[in-house]
Amino acid sequence: MSLAPDIFVVSDLHLGRGKNRKTARYFRLEAFFYDDDFLHFCNYLIDDAERRNTSFKLILNGDTFDLLRVDHDREGDQSLRERLYGPALTPNVAVDVISQILDGHPVFVQALAQVLAAGHSVVILPGNHDIEMQWPPVQELVRQHISKALVERVGTEAAEQAITQLDFRQWYY
């Protein structure tokens, strides 16, 4: 492989809660309906890199996830503000929301796992709709979801090596 990897930048995907597994319908505020297209794109990058005997970095350049445009369950003892706008995004709440987003987009998670399993890198940057990606608990949750997909794809040992190619940056790359 060549020394310098190719760099591919994808920005502003705005993944929401995806599909409700119970109803198989998209959540009301979902804006990303392209999981299969993203998977095909990642497969193309992998095949092309293999054909050209090179490596690449896939950079998710902010607003990959959209924590500002997520419809929240509006039941329980919430304040009016929380019923209207959702709960304040503390690290624990952000982990819960990101978990729902990743659960609603399993094909997207599989696509990232395929890139890593093929020996390439993924870099995730925060944007203004997913600034919470800077928080270590949120990063760890994303790692866990992708690791699980990697284990299913390539086994535990290879997954442990592949996940090291997932990087989070605080501001820019």
N, C-alpha and C. Protein backbone atom coordinates (compact mmCIF):
# COMPACT_ATOMS: atom_id res chain seq x y z
N MET A 1 0.84 -1.19 0.00
CA MET A 1 0.00 0.00 0.00
C MET A 1 0.88 1.24 0.00
N SER A 2 0.33 2.30 -0.55
CA SER A 2 1.07 3.56 -0.58
C SER A 2 1.20 4.13 0.82
N LEU A 3 2.15 5.05 1.01
CA LEU A 3 2.40 5.62 2.33
C LEU A 3 1.29 6.54 2.79
N ALA A 4 0.84 7.43 1.93
CA ALA A 4 -0.20 8.39 2.32
C ALA A 4 -1.57 7.86 1.91
N PRO A 5 -2.48 7.73 2.87
CA PRO A 5 -3.81 7.22 2.52
C PRO A 5 -4.63 8.27 1.79
N ASP A 6 -5.56 7.81 0.99
CA ASP A 6 -6.56 8.72 0.41
C ASP A 6 -7.44 9.21 1.55
N ILE A 7 -8.02 10.37 1.37
CA ILE A 7 -8.91 10.92 2.39
C ILE A 7 -10.25 11.21 1.74
N PHE A 8 -11.31 10.67 2.33
CA PHE A 8 -12.67 10.92 1.88
C PHE A 8 -13.43 11.57 3.02
N VAL A 9 -14.07 12.69 2.73
CA VAL A 9 -14.77 13.46 3.75
C VAL A 9 -16.27 13.42 3.46
N VAL A 10 -17.02 13.03 4.48
CA VAL A 10 -18.48 13.01 4.40
C VAL A 10 -18.98 13.88 5.54
N SER A 11 -19.94 14.73 5.23
CA SER A 11 -20.39 15.69 6.23
C SER A 11 -21.91 15.79 6.25
N ASP A 12 -22.43 16.16 7.41
CA ASP A 12 -23.84 16.53 7.56
C ASP A 12 -24.82 15.43 7.15
N LEU A 13 -24.61 14.24 7.67
CA LEU A 13 -25.56 13.16 7.40
C LEU A 13 -26.83 13.32 8.23
N HIS A 14 -26.72 13.84 9.43
CA HIS A 14 -27.86 14.13 10.31
C HIS A 14 -28.71 12.90 10.59
N LEU A 15 -28.07 11.83 11.06
CA LEU A 15 -28.82 10.64 11.45
C LEU A 15 -29.65 10.94 12.69
N GLY A 16 -30.92 10.56 12.62
CA GLY A 16 -31.82 10.64 13.76
C GLY A 16 -32.03 9.25 14.33
N ARG A 17 -33.19 9.02 14.89
CA ARG A 17 -33.46 7.73 15.54
C ARG A 17 -33.75 6.61 14.56
N GLY A 18 -33.77 6.90 13.28
CA GLY A 18 -33.91 5.85 12.27
C GLY A 18 -35.28 5.22 12.28
N LYS A 19 -35.26 3.88 12.13
CA LYS A 19 -36.52 3.13 12.11
C LYS A 19 -36.83 2.57 13.48
N ASN A 20 -38.09 2.64 13.81
CA ASN A 20 -38.59 2.03 15.03
C ASN A 20 -38.66 0.53 14.77
N ARG A 21 -37.97 -0.24 15.57
CA ARG A 21 -37.93 -1.70 15.34
C ARG A 21 -39.28 -2.36 15.54
N LYS A 22 -40.12 -1.76 16.38
CA LYS A 22 -41.44 -2.34 16.64
C LYS A 22 -42.39 -2.12 15.47
N THR A 23 -42.37 -0.92 14.89
CA THR A 23 -43.32 -0.58 13.83
C THR A 23 -42.71 -0.66 12.43
N ALA A 24 -41.39 -0.74 12.34
CA ALA A 24 -40.66 -0.72 11.06
C ALA A 24 -40.91 0.57 10.28
N ARG A 25 -41.29 1.62 10.98
CA ARG A 25 -41.50 2.93 10.37
C ARG A 25 -40.44 3.89 10.90
N TYR A 26 -40.11 4.87 10.07
CA TYR A 26 -39.15 5.88 10.53
C TYR A 26 -39.78 6.74 11.62
N PHE A 27 -38.94 7.16 12.56
CA PHE A 27 -39.40 8.12 13.55
C PHE A 27 -39.74 9.43 12.86
N ARG A 28 -40.61 10.17 13.46
CA ARG A 28 -41.20 11.37 12.85
C ARG A 28 -40.17 12.38 12.35
N LEU A 29 -39.12 12.64 13.08
CA LEU A 29 -38.15 13.67 12.69
C LEU A 29 -36.92 13.12 11.97
N GLU A 30 -36.95 11.87 11.56
CA GLU A 30 -35.80 11.28 10.87
C GLU A 30 -35.53 12.03 9.56
N ALA A 31 -34.24 12.29 9.29
CA ALA A 31 -33.85 12.99 8.07
C ALA A 31 -32.87 12.19 7.23
N PHE A 32 -32.41 11.04 7.71
CA PHE A 32 -31.43 10.23 6.98
C PHE A 32 -32.05 8.90 6.59
N PHE A 33 -32.25 8.73 5.28
CA PHE A 33 -32.91 7.53 4.76
C PHE A 33 -31.97 6.76 3.83
N TYR A 34 -30.67 6.92 4.00
CA TYR A 34 -29.70 6.46 3.01
C TYR A 34 -28.71 5.45 3.56
N ASP A 35 -29.12 4.66 4.53
CA ASP A 35 -28.23 3.67 5.12
C ASP A 35 -27.66 2.73 4.06
N ASP A 36 -28.52 2.20 3.21
CA ASP A 36 -28.06 1.27 2.17
C ASP A 36 -27.12 1.97 1.20
N ASP A 37 -27.42 3.21 0.83
CA ASP A 37 -26.54 3.97 -0.06
C ASP A 37 -25.18 4.20 0.59
N PHE A 38 -25.18 4.50 1.88
CA PHE A 38 -23.91 4.70 2.59
C PHE A 38 -23.11 3.40 2.61
N LEU A 39 -23.78 2.28 2.82
CA LEU A 39 -23.11 0.99 2.79
C LEU A 39 -22.49 0.74 1.41
N HIS A 40 -23.23 1.01 0.35
CA HIS A 40 -22.71 0.83 -1.02
C HIS A 40 -21.51 1.76 -1.26
N PHE A 41 -21.60 2.99 -0.76
CA PHE A 41 -20.49 3.93 -0.89
C PHE A 41 -19.25 3.39 -0.18
N CYS A 42 -19.41 2.90 1.03
CA CYS A 42 -18.27 2.35 1.77
C CYS A 42 -17.69 1.13 1.06
N ASN A 43 -18.55 0.27 0.54
CA ASN A 43 -18.08 -0.90 -0.21
C ASN A 43 -17.31 -0.47 -1.45
N TYR A 44 -17.79 0.57 -2.13
CA TYR A 44 -17.07 1.09 -3.29
C TYR A 44 -15.67 1.57 -2.89
N LEU A 45 -15.59 2.34 -1.78
CA LEU A 45 -14.29 2.83 -1.33
C LEU A 45 -13.34 1.68 -1.01
N ILE A 46 -13.86 0.65 -0.36
CA ILE A 46 -13.05 -0.52 -0.01
C ILE A 46 -12.56 -1.23 -1.26
N ASP A 47 -13.48 -1.49 -2.21
CA ASP A 47 -13.11 -2.18 -3.44
C ASP A 47 -12.11 -1.37 -4.26
N ASP A 48 -12.34 -0.06 -4.35
CA ASP A 48 -11.44 0.80 -5.11
C ASP A 48 -10.05 0.83 -4.48
N ALA A 49 -9.98 0.93 -3.16
CA ALA A 49 -8.69 0.95 -2.48
C ALA A 49 -7.94 -0.37 -2.69
N GLU A 50 -8.68 -1.47 -2.65
CA GLU A 50 -8.06 -2.77 -2.88
C GLU A 50 -7.54 -2.87 -4.31
N ARG A 51 -8.33 -2.42 -5.27
CA ARG A 51 -7.93 -2.45 -6.68
C ARG A 51 -6.66 -1.62 -6.90
N ARG A 52 -6.57 -0.49 -6.23
CA ARG A 52 -5.42 0.41 -6.41
C ARG A 52 -4.31 0.17 -5.40
N ASN A 53 -4.49 -0.84 -4.54
CA ASN A 53 -3.50 -1.20 -3.53
C ASN A 53 -3.13 0.01 -2.67
N THR A 54 -4.13 0.66 -2.12
CA THR A 54 -3.93 1.82 -1.27
C THR A 54 -4.85 1.74 -0.05
N SER A 55 -4.65 2.63 0.87
CA SER A 55 -5.53 2.71 2.04
C SER A 55 -6.25 4.05 2.03
N PHE A 56 -7.23 4.19 2.90
CA PHE A 56 -7.94 5.47 2.98
C PHE A 56 -8.41 5.74 4.40
N LYS A 57 -8.71 7.01 4.63
CA LYS A 57 -9.36 7.46 5.85
C LYS A 57 -10.71 8.02 5.45
N LEU A 58 -11.73 7.56 6.12
CA LEU A 58 -13.07 8.10 5.95
C LEU A 58 -13.31 9.05 7.11
N ILE A 59 -13.47 10.31 6.79
CA ILE A 59 -13.67 11.32 7.82
C ILE A 59 -15.13 11.73 7.85
N LEU A 60 -15.76 11.54 8.98
CA LEU A 60 -17.14 11.98 9.19
C LEU A 60 -17.03 13.37 9.83
N ASN A 61 -17.23 14.39 9.01
CA ASN A 61 -16.85 15.76 9.33
C ASN A 61 -17.97 16.56 10.01
N GLY A 62 -18.50 16.03 11.08
CA GLY A 62 -19.48 16.77 11.87
C GLY A 62 -20.90 16.57 11.41
N ASP A 63 -21.81 16.68 12.35
CA ASP A 63 -23.24 16.51 12.13
C ASP A 63 -23.57 15.15 11.51
N THR A 64 -22.77 14.16 11.86
CA THR A 64 -23.09 12.79 11.45
C THR A 64 -24.38 12.38 12.14
N PHE A 65 -24.49 12.74 13.40
CA PHE A 65 -25.68 12.47 14.19
C PHE A 65 -26.36 13.79 14.46
N ASP A 66 -27.66 13.75 14.61
CA ASP A 66 -28.40 14.99 14.86
C ASP A 66 -29.14 14.88 16.18
N LEU A 67 -28.50 15.36 17.23
CA LEU A 67 -29.11 15.31 18.56
C LEU A 67 -30.06 16.47 18.79
N LEU A 68 -30.08 17.43 17.88
CA LEU A 68 -31.00 18.55 18.01
C LEU A 68 -32.35 18.28 17.35
N ARG A 69 -32.40 17.29 16.48
CA ARG A 69 -33.60 17.01 15.72
C ARG A 69 -34.09 15.58 16.00
N VAL A 70 -34.15 15.25 17.26
CA VAL A 70 -34.60 13.91 17.67
C VAL A 70 -35.91 14.07 18.41
N ASP A 71 -36.91 13.35 17.93
CA ASP A 71 -38.18 13.39 18.67
C ASP A 71 -38.02 12.53 19.93
N HIS A 72 -38.39 13.12 21.03
CA HIS A 72 -38.24 12.46 22.33
C HIS A 72 -39.59 11.95 22.79
N ASP A 73 -39.53 10.89 23.57
CA ASP A 73 -40.76 10.39 24.18
C ASP A 73 -41.27 11.48 25.11
N ARG A 74 -42.53 11.78 25.03
CA ARG A 74 -43.08 12.92 25.77
C ARG A 74 -44.02 12.47 26.87
N GLU A 75 -43.67 11.43 27.56
CA GLU A 75 -44.49 10.95 28.65
C GLU A 75 -43.73 11.12 29.96
N GLY A 76 -44.41 10.98 31.05
CA GLY A 76 -43.75 11.02 32.35
C GLY A 76 -43.82 12.38 33.01
N ASP A 77 -43.00 12.53 34.03
CA ASP A 77 -43.00 13.74 34.84
C ASP A 77 -41.99 14.76 34.33
N GLN A 78 -42.04 15.09 33.08
CA GLN A 78 -41.10 16.05 32.51
C GLN A 78 -41.66 17.46 32.62
N SER A 79 -40.73 18.42 32.61
CA SER A 79 -41.14 19.81 32.60
C SER A 79 -41.70 20.16 31.21
N LEU A 80 -42.35 21.30 31.12
CA LEU A 80 -42.86 21.75 29.83
C LEU A 80 -41.72 21.88 28.82
N ARG A 81 -40.59 22.45 29.27
CA ARG A 81 -39.43 22.60 28.38
C ARG A 81 -38.97 21.24 27.84
N GLU A 82 -38.90 20.23 28.72
CA GLU A 82 -38.47 18.91 28.28
C GLU A 82 -39.47 18.26 27.35
N ARG A 83 -40.77 18.49 27.59
CA ARG A 83 -41.78 17.93 26.69
C ARG A 83 -41.69 18.58 25.32
N LEU A 84 -41.35 19.87 25.27
CA LEU A 84 -41.25 20.58 23.99
C LEU A 84 -39.94 20.32 23.26
N TYR A 85 -38.84 20.32 24.02
CA TYR A 85 -37.51 20.31 23.38
C TYR A 85 -36.65 19.11 23.74
N GLY A 86 -37.14 18.25 24.59
CA GLY A 86 -36.34 17.12 25.03
C GLY A 86 -35.50 17.49 26.24
N PRO A 87 -34.88 16.50 26.84
CA PRO A 87 -34.09 16.75 28.04
C PRO A 87 -32.78 17.46 27.71
N ALA A 88 -32.22 18.13 28.71
CA ALA A 88 -30.89 18.74 28.54
C ALA A 88 -29.89 17.63 28.25
N LEU A 89 -28.98 17.87 27.32
CA LEU A 89 -28.06 16.83 26.90
C LEU A 89 -26.82 16.78 27.79
N THR A 90 -26.94 16.06 28.86
CA THR A 90 -25.81 15.73 29.71
C THR A 90 -25.10 14.54 29.06
N PRO A 91 -23.91 14.18 29.52
CA PRO A 91 -23.27 12.99 28.93
C PRO A 91 -24.14 11.74 28.99
N ASN A 92 -24.84 11.50 30.09
CA ASN A 92 -25.69 10.31 30.19
C ASN A 92 -26.87 10.36 29.23
N VAL A 93 -27.49 11.52 29.10
CA VAL A 93 -28.62 11.65 28.17
C VAL A 93 -28.11 11.52 26.73
N ALA A 94 -26.97 12.13 26.43
CA ALA A 94 -26.41 12.03 25.08
C ALA A 94 -26.08 10.58 24.72
N VAL A 95 -25.57 9.82 25.68
CA VAL A 95 -25.28 8.40 25.45
C VAL A 95 -26.57 7.67 25.09
N ASP A 96 -27.65 7.96 25.81
CA ASP A 96 -28.93 7.33 25.53
C ASP A 96 -29.44 7.68 24.13
N VAL A 97 -29.34 8.96 23.77
CA VAL A 97 -29.82 9.40 22.45
C VAL A 97 -28.98 8.79 21.34
N ILE A 98 -27.65 8.82 21.49
CA ILE A 98 -26.78 8.23 20.47
C ILE A 98 -27.04 6.73 20.35
N SER A 99 -27.29 6.07 21.45
CA SER A 99 -27.61 4.64 21.42
C SER A 99 -28.87 4.40 20.59
N GLN A 100 -29.88 5.22 20.80
CA GLN A 100 -31.11 5.10 20.01
C GLN A 100 -30.84 5.34 18.53
N ILE A 101 -30.00 6.32 18.23
CA ILE A 101 -29.66 6.62 16.83
C ILE A 101 -28.94 5.43 16.20
N LEU A 102 -27.95 4.90 16.88
CA LEU A 102 -27.19 3.77 16.33
C LEU A 102 -28.07 2.52 16.20
N ASP A 103 -28.96 2.29 17.18
CA ASP A 103 -29.89 1.16 17.08
C ASP A 103 -30.84 1.32 15.90
N GLY A 104 -31.19 2.56 15.56
CA GLY A 104 -32.09 2.82 14.44
C GLY A 104 -31.42 2.80 13.08
N HIS A 105 -30.08 2.71 13.08
CA HIS A 105 -29.32 2.70 11.82
C HIS A 105 -28.28 1.58 11.82
N PRO A 106 -28.70 0.32 11.96
CA PRO A 106 -27.73 -0.79 12.03
C PRO A 106 -26.91 -0.94 10.75
N VAL A 107 -27.46 -0.63 9.61
CA VAL A 107 -26.71 -0.75 8.35
C VAL A 107 -25.59 0.29 8.29
N PHE A 108 -25.85 1.47 8.81
CA PHE A 108 -24.81 2.50 8.89
C PHE A 108 -23.66 2.01 9.76
N VAL A 109 -23.98 1.43 10.90
CA VAL A 109 -22.95 0.89 11.81
C VAL A 109 -22.17 -0.21 11.10
N GLN A 110 -22.87 -1.09 10.39
CA GLN A 110 -22.20 -2.16 9.64
C GLN A 110 -21.26 -1.60 8.59
N ALA A 111 -21.66 -0.51 7.94
CA ALA A 111 -20.81 0.10 6.92
C ALA A 111 -19.50 0.59 7.52
N LEU A 112 -19.58 1.25 8.67
CA LEU A 112 -18.35 1.71 9.33
C LEU A 112 -17.50 0.52 9.76
N ALA A 113 -18.14 -0.53 10.26
CA ALA A 113 -17.41 -1.73 10.65
C ALA A 113 -16.70 -2.36 9.45
N GLN A 114 -17.32 -2.36 8.30
CA GLN A 114 -16.70 -2.92 7.10
C GLN A 114 -15.46 -2.13 6.71
N VAL A 115 -15.53 -0.81 6.80
CA VAL A 115 -14.36 0.02 6.48
C VAL A 115 -13.21 -0.35 7.41
N LEU A 116 -13.49 -0.44 8.70
CA LEU A 116 -12.45 -0.77 9.66
C LEU A 116 -11.94 -2.20 9.48
N ALA A 117 -12.84 -3.14 9.22
CA ALA A 117 -12.45 -4.54 9.02
C ALA A 117 -11.55 -4.71 7.80
N ALA A 118 -11.71 -3.84 6.83
CA ALA A 118 -10.89 -3.90 5.62
C ALA A 118 -9.52 -3.25 5.82
N GLY A 119 -9.28 -2.72 7.03
CA GLY A 119 -7.97 -2.16 7.32
C GLY A 119 -7.83 -0.67 7.11
N HIS A 120 -8.95 0.01 6.92
CA HIS A 120 -8.92 1.45 6.70
C HIS A 120 -9.30 2.17 8.00
N SER A 121 -9.26 3.50 7.98
CA SER A 121 -9.50 4.29 9.18
C SER A 121 -10.79 5.09 9.06
N VAL A 122 -11.40 5.35 10.22
CA VAL A 122 -12.56 6.23 10.31
C VAL A 122 -12.25 7.28 11.37
N VAL A 123 -12.46 8.54 11.03
CA VAL A 123 -12.26 9.65 11.96
C VAL A 123 -13.61 10.35 12.11
N ILE A 124 -14.04 10.54 13.35
CA ILE A 124 -15.32 11.19 13.61
C ILE A 124 -15.06 12.53 14.29
N LEU A 125 -15.58 13.58 13.68
CA LEU A 125 -15.48 14.94 14.21
C LEU A 125 -16.85 15.42 14.66
N PRO A 126 -16.91 16.24 15.70
CA PRO A 126 -18.20 16.79 16.12
C PRO A 126 -18.62 17.96 15.24
N GLY A 127 -19.90 18.16 15.17
CA GLY A 127 -20.46 19.34 14.50
C GLY A 127 -21.38 20.04 15.48
N ASN A 128 -22.09 21.03 15.01
CA ASN A 128 -22.95 21.76 15.93
C ASN A 128 -24.21 20.97 16.31
N HIS A 129 -24.57 19.94 15.56
CA HIS A 129 -25.73 19.11 15.91
C HIS A 129 -25.34 17.86 16.68
N ASP A 130 -24.04 17.60 16.76
CA ASP A 130 -23.57 16.44 17.54
C ASP A 130 -22.29 16.78 18.31
N ILE A 131 -22.28 17.97 18.88
CA ILE A 131 -21.13 18.44 19.65
C ILE A 131 -20.80 17.48 20.80
N GLU A 132 -21.78 16.70 21.20
CA GLU A 132 -21.61 15.73 22.29
C GLU A 132 -20.63 14.61 21.91
N MET A 133 -20.26 14.51 20.63
CA MET A 133 -19.28 13.52 20.21
C MET A 133 -17.92 13.78 20.86
N GLN A 134 -17.73 14.92 21.47
CA GLN A 134 -16.48 15.23 22.18
C GLN A 134 -16.41 14.51 23.53
N TRP A 135 -17.53 14.08 24.06
CA TRP A 135 -17.58 13.49 25.39
C TRP A 135 -17.12 12.03 25.36
N PRO A 136 -16.17 11.67 26.23
CA PRO A 136 -15.68 10.28 26.26
C PRO A 136 -16.77 9.21 26.40
N PRO A 137 -17.82 9.40 27.22
CA PRO A 137 -18.84 8.34 27.29
C PRO A 137 -19.56 8.13 25.95
N VAL A 138 -19.75 9.20 25.19
CA VAL A 138 -20.41 9.09 23.89
C VAL A 138 -19.48 8.37 22.91
N GLN A 139 -18.21 8.73 22.92
CA GLN A 139 -17.23 8.07 22.05
C GLN A 139 -17.15 6.58 22.37
N GLU A 140 -17.15 6.25 23.66
CA GLU A 140 -17.08 4.85 24.06
C GLU A 140 -18.30 4.08 23.58
N LEU A 141 -19.46 4.69 23.65
CA LEU A 141 -20.67 4.02 23.16
C LEU A 141 -20.58 3.74 21.66
N VAL A 142 -20.11 4.71 20.90
CA VAL A 142 -19.95 4.51 19.45
C VAL A 142 -18.96 3.37 19.20
N ARG A 143 -17.85 3.37 19.93
CA ARG A 143 -16.87 2.28 19.81
C ARG A 143 -17.53 0.92 20.09
N GLN A 144 -18.35 0.87 21.13
CA GLN A 144 -19.00 -0.40 21.50
C GLN A 144 -19.92 -0.90 20.39
N HIS A 145 -20.71 0.00 19.82
CA HIS A 145 -21.62 -0.41 18.74
C HIS A 145 -20.86 -0.91 17.52
N ILE A 146 -19.82 -0.18 17.15
CA ILE A 146 -19.04 -0.60 15.98
C ILE A 146 -18.27 -1.87 16.29
N SER A 147 -17.74 -1.99 17.51
CA SER A 147 -17.02 -3.22 17.90
C SER A 147 -17.92 -4.44 17.82
N LYS A 148 -19.16 -4.28 18.27
CA LYS A 148 -20.10 -5.40 18.20
C LYS A 148 -20.30 -5.84 16.74
N ALA A 149 -20.47 -4.87 15.85
CA ALA A 149 -20.62 -5.19 14.42
C ALA A 149 -19.34 -5.82 13.87
N LEU A 150 -18.20 -5.36 14.34
CA LEU A 150 -16.92 -5.95 13.89
C LEU A 150 -16.79 -7.39 14.35
N VAL A 151 -17.12 -7.66 15.60
CA VAL A 151 -17.03 -9.03 16.13
C VAL A 151 -17.90 -9.97 15.31
N GLU A 152 -19.11 -9.52 14.97
CA GLU A 152 -20.01 -10.35 14.16
C GLU A 152 -19.43 -10.59 12.77
N ARG A 153 -18.66 -9.63 12.28
CA ARG A 153 -18.12 -9.72 10.92
C ARG A 153 -16.80 -10.50 10.86
N VAL A 154 -15.87 -10.21 11.80
CA VAL A 154 -14.51 -10.76 11.66
C VAL A 154 -14.02 -11.50 12.89
N GLY A 155 -14.80 -11.58 13.95
CA GLY A 155 -14.36 -12.26 15.15
C GLY A 155 -13.70 -11.30 16.14
N THR A 156 -13.54 -11.77 17.35
CA THR A 156 -13.08 -10.91 18.45
C THR A 156 -11.67 -10.37 18.25
N GLU A 157 -10.74 -11.23 17.92
CA GLU A 157 -9.34 -10.79 17.81
C GLU A 157 -9.16 -9.76 16.70
N ALA A 158 -9.70 -10.03 15.54
CA ALA A 158 -9.58 -9.07 14.42
C ALA A 158 -10.35 -7.79 14.74
N ALA A 159 -11.47 -7.91 15.46
CA ALA A 159 -12.25 -6.72 15.82
C ALA A 159 -11.46 -5.81 16.75
N GLU A 160 -10.75 -6.42 17.70
CA GLU A 160 -9.95 -5.62 18.63
C GLU A 160 -8.88 -4.83 17.89
N GLN A 161 -8.29 -5.41 16.86
CA GLN A 161 -7.29 -4.70 16.06
C GLN A 161 -7.95 -3.63 15.20
N ALA A 162 -9.06 -3.96 14.57
CA ALA A 162 -9.72 -3.02 13.65
C ALA A 162 -10.24 -1.78 14.36
N ILE A 163 -10.77 -1.93 15.56
CA ILE A 163 -11.37 -0.79 16.25
C ILE A 163 -10.32 0.25 16.62
N THR A 164 -9.05 -0.13 16.63
CA THR A 164 -7.99 0.85 16.91
C THR A 164 -7.87 1.89 15.80
N GLN A 165 -8.48 1.60 14.65
CA GLN A 165 -8.44 2.54 13.53
C GLN A 165 -9.61 3.53 13.54
N LEU A 166 -10.40 3.50 14.60
CA LEU A 166 -11.48 4.47 14.81
C LEU A 166 -10.94 5.58 15.70
N ASP A 167 -11.03 6.82 15.23
CA ASP A 167 -10.47 7.94 15.95
C ASP A 167 -11.51 9.05 16.09
N PHE A 168 -11.50 9.70 17.22
CA PHE A 168 -12.37 10.85 17.46
C PHE A 168 -11.47 12.06 17.62
N ARG A 169 -11.82 13.14 16.96
CA ARG A 169 -11.07 14.38 17.09
C ARG A 169 -12.00 15.44 17.68
N GLN A 170 -11.43 16.36 18.40
CA GLN A 170 -12.21 17.37 19.11
C GLN A 170 -12.70 18.51 18.22
N TRP A 171 -11.97 18.83 17.20
CA TRP A 171 -12.32 20.04 16.47
C TRP A 171 -12.20 19.89 14.96
N TYR A 172 -11.01 19.61 14.46
CA TYR A 172 -10.82 19.47 13.02
C TYR A 172 -9.74 18.43 12.76
N TYR A 173 -9.67 17.99 11.51
CA TYR A 173 -8.65 17.02 11.14
C TYR A 173 -7.93 17.56 9.93
